[in-house]
N, C-alpha and C. Protein backbone atom coordinates (compact mmCIF):
# COMPACT_ATOMS: atom_id res chain seq x y z
N MET A 1 -206.35 -83.55 140.36
CA MET A 1 -204.91 -83.60 140.21
C MET A 1 -204.28 -82.88 141.41
N LYS A 2 -203.64 -83.63 142.25
CA LYS A 2 -203.04 -83.08 143.46
C LYS A 2 -201.53 -82.98 143.28
N LEU A 3 -200.98 -81.80 143.51
CA LEU A 3 -199.54 -81.60 143.41
C LEU A 3 -198.91 -81.78 144.79
N GLU A 4 -197.90 -82.58 144.83
CA GLU A 4 -197.20 -82.82 146.08
C GLU A 4 -195.90 -82.03 146.11
N LEU A 5 -195.48 -81.70 147.31
CA LEU A 5 -194.26 -80.92 147.48
C LEU A 5 -193.04 -81.66 146.96
N LYS A 6 -192.96 -82.96 147.19
CA LYS A 6 -191.79 -83.71 146.73
C LYS A 6 -191.74 -83.83 145.20
N LEU A 7 -192.85 -83.58 144.53
CA LEU A 7 -192.87 -83.56 143.07
C LEU A 7 -192.43 -82.19 142.53
N ILE A 8 -192.81 -81.14 143.20
CA ILE A 8 -192.52 -79.78 142.76
C ILE A 8 -191.11 -79.33 143.17
N LEU A 9 -190.62 -79.76 144.30
CA LEU A 9 -189.36 -79.30 144.87
C LEU A 9 -188.15 -79.44 143.93
N PRO A 10 -187.96 -80.54 143.21
CA PRO A 10 -186.81 -80.61 142.29
C PRO A 10 -186.88 -79.57 141.19
N TYR A 11 -188.06 -79.27 140.70
CA TYR A 11 -188.20 -78.26 139.66
C TYR A 11 -187.91 -76.85 140.21
N VAL A 12 -188.34 -76.60 141.42
CA VAL A 12 -188.06 -75.32 142.06
C VAL A 12 -186.55 -75.16 142.25
N ALA A 13 -185.89 -76.22 142.71
CA ALA A 13 -184.44 -76.19 142.90
C ALA A 13 -183.74 -75.96 141.57
N LEU A 14 -184.20 -76.59 140.52
CA LEU A 14 -183.62 -76.42 139.19
C LEU A 14 -183.77 -75.00 138.69
N ILE A 15 -184.94 -74.42 138.87
CA ILE A 15 -185.19 -73.05 138.42
C ILE A 15 -184.34 -72.06 139.23
N VAL A 16 -184.25 -72.27 140.53
CA VAL A 16 -183.43 -71.38 141.36
C VAL A 16 -181.95 -71.51 140.96
N GLY A 17 -181.49 -72.73 140.71
CA GLY A 17 -180.11 -72.93 140.28
C GLY A 17 -179.81 -72.26 138.96
N LEU A 18 -180.73 -72.35 138.02
CA LEU A 18 -180.55 -71.67 136.74
C LEU A 18 -180.53 -70.16 136.91
N GLY A 19 -181.38 -69.65 137.78
CA GLY A 19 -181.40 -68.21 138.03
C GLY A 19 -180.10 -67.72 138.65
N VAL A 20 -179.57 -68.46 139.58
CA VAL A 20 -178.30 -68.09 140.20
C VAL A 20 -177.16 -68.14 139.19
N SER A 21 -177.16 -69.19 138.37
CA SER A 21 -176.12 -69.31 137.34
C SER A 21 -176.20 -68.16 136.35
N TRP A 22 -177.40 -67.81 135.93
CA TRP A 22 -177.59 -66.71 135.00
C TRP A 22 -177.10 -65.40 135.62
N GLY A 23 -177.42 -65.17 136.87
CA GLY A 23 -176.99 -63.95 137.53
C GLY A 23 -175.48 -63.86 137.66
N MET A 24 -174.83 -64.95 138.02
CA MET A 24 -173.38 -64.95 138.14
C MET A 24 -172.73 -64.74 136.78
N PHE A 25 -173.27 -65.36 135.75
CA PHE A 25 -172.72 -65.20 134.40
C PHE A 25 -172.82 -63.76 133.95
N SER A 26 -173.96 -63.13 134.17
CA SER A 26 -174.13 -61.74 133.73
C SER A 26 -173.23 -60.80 134.54
N GLU A 27 -173.02 -61.08 135.83
CA GLU A 27 -172.11 -60.26 136.63
C GLU A 27 -170.68 -60.36 136.12
N ARG A 28 -170.26 -61.57 135.80
CA ARG A 28 -168.90 -61.76 135.28
C ARG A 28 -168.76 -61.10 133.92
N LEU A 29 -169.77 -61.18 133.09
CA LEU A 29 -169.73 -60.53 131.79
C LEU A 29 -169.62 -59.03 131.94
N ASP A 30 -170.36 -58.45 132.87
CA ASP A 30 -170.25 -57.01 133.13
C ASP A 30 -168.85 -56.64 133.59
N ALA A 31 -168.24 -57.48 134.43
CA ALA A 31 -166.88 -57.22 134.91
C ALA A 31 -165.88 -57.24 133.77
N VAL A 32 -166.05 -58.18 132.85
CA VAL A 32 -165.14 -58.28 131.70
C VAL A 32 -165.30 -57.05 130.81
N GLU A 33 -166.54 -56.62 130.59
CA GLU A 33 -166.77 -55.44 129.78
C GLU A 33 -166.15 -54.20 130.42
N THR A 34 -166.26 -54.08 131.73
CA THR A 34 -165.67 -52.95 132.43
C THR A 34 -164.16 -52.96 132.29
N LYS A 35 -163.54 -54.12 132.45
CA LYS A 35 -162.08 -54.21 132.29
C LYS A 35 -161.66 -53.88 130.87
N ALA A 36 -162.41 -54.33 129.88
CA ALA A 36 -162.09 -54.02 128.49
C ALA A 36 -162.17 -52.52 128.23
N ASP A 37 -163.17 -51.86 128.79
CA ASP A 37 -163.29 -50.42 128.64
C ASP A 37 -162.11 -49.69 129.29
N ARG A 38 -161.70 -50.15 130.46
CA ARG A 38 -160.57 -49.53 131.14
C ARG A 38 -159.28 -49.71 130.35
N ILE A 39 -159.11 -50.89 129.77
CA ILE A 39 -157.90 -51.14 128.96
C ILE A 39 -157.91 -50.25 127.72
N ALA A 40 -159.06 -50.08 127.10
CA ALA A 40 -159.16 -49.21 125.94
C ALA A 40 -158.83 -47.77 126.31
N ASN A 41 -159.30 -47.31 127.47
CA ASN A 41 -158.98 -45.97 127.92
C ASN A 41 -157.49 -45.83 128.20
N MET A 42 -156.88 -46.85 128.79
CA MET A 42 -155.44 -46.82 129.05
C MET A 42 -154.66 -46.74 127.75
N GLN A 43 -155.08 -47.48 126.74
CA GLN A 43 -154.39 -47.46 125.45
C GLN A 43 -154.48 -46.08 124.82
N THR A 44 -155.63 -45.44 124.95
CA THR A 44 -155.77 -44.08 124.43
C THR A 44 -154.88 -43.12 125.17
N ASP A 45 -154.83 -43.23 126.51
CA ASP A 45 -153.96 -42.36 127.31
C ASP A 45 -152.49 -42.58 126.95
N ILE A 46 -152.08 -43.81 126.78
CA ILE A 46 -150.70 -44.10 126.43
C ILE A 46 -150.35 -43.51 125.07
N ALA A 47 -151.27 -43.60 124.11
CA ALA A 47 -151.03 -43.03 122.79
C ALA A 47 -150.88 -41.51 122.87
N ILE A 48 -151.68 -40.87 123.69
CA ILE A 48 -151.58 -39.40 123.85
C ILE A 48 -150.26 -39.03 124.51
N ILE A 49 -149.87 -39.76 125.55
CA ILE A 49 -148.62 -39.48 126.24
C ILE A 49 -147.45 -39.69 125.28
N LYS A 50 -147.48 -40.75 124.50
CA LYS A 50 -146.42 -41.03 123.55
C LYS A 50 -146.31 -39.90 122.52
N GLU A 51 -147.44 -39.43 122.04
CA GLU A 51 -147.45 -38.33 121.07
C GLU A 51 -146.83 -37.06 121.68
N LYS A 52 -147.17 -36.78 122.93
CA LYS A 52 -146.61 -35.58 123.58
C LYS A 52 -145.11 -35.72 123.81
N ILE A 53 -144.66 -36.91 124.17
CA ILE A 53 -143.23 -37.13 124.36
C ILE A 53 -142.49 -36.97 123.04
N MET A 54 -143.05 -37.49 121.97
CA MET A 54 -142.40 -37.34 120.66
C MET A 54 -142.34 -35.87 120.26
N TRP A 55 -143.39 -35.10 120.57
CA TRP A 55 -143.39 -33.68 120.24
C TRP A 55 -142.31 -32.95 121.05
N ILE A 56 -142.22 -33.28 122.34
CA ILE A 56 -141.20 -32.64 123.19
C ILE A 56 -139.80 -32.99 122.71
N GLU A 57 -139.58 -34.25 122.33
CA GLU A 57 -138.26 -34.65 121.83
C GLU A 57 -137.93 -33.89 120.54
N SER A 58 -138.86 -33.79 119.62
CA SER A 58 -138.60 -33.06 118.38
C SER A 58 -138.37 -31.59 118.66
N TYR A 59 -139.07 -31.02 119.61
CA TYR A 59 -138.86 -29.61 119.97
C TYR A 59 -137.47 -29.39 120.55
N LEU A 60 -137.05 -30.29 121.43
CA LEU A 60 -135.74 -30.16 122.05
C LEU A 60 -134.63 -30.36 121.03
N ILE A 61 -134.81 -31.25 120.06
CA ILE A 61 -133.79 -31.47 119.04
C ILE A 61 -133.67 -30.25 118.15
N LYS A 62 -134.78 -29.58 117.82
CA LYS A 62 -134.75 -28.38 116.97
C LYS A 62 -134.08 -27.22 117.69
N GLU A 63 -134.20 -27.14 118.98
CA GLU A 63 -133.64 -26.04 119.77
C GLU A 63 -132.13 -26.11 119.84
N ARG A 64 -131.55 -27.26 119.66
CA ARG A 64 -130.07 -27.38 119.76
C ARG A 64 -129.44 -26.81 118.59
């Protein structure tokens, strides 16, 4: 059984193409996860800032 290059080459190209697609997909997925984490951190920061502003407003209203 002799394997020829023209018989193997399409399969090699297919495997390489699948590998590249898999790598790009995983990179994009990592980027989406990173953005989601950043947005969650921003939401936490905004909630803390809002709480502090409400405390300052209530303190200033009591002082009058």
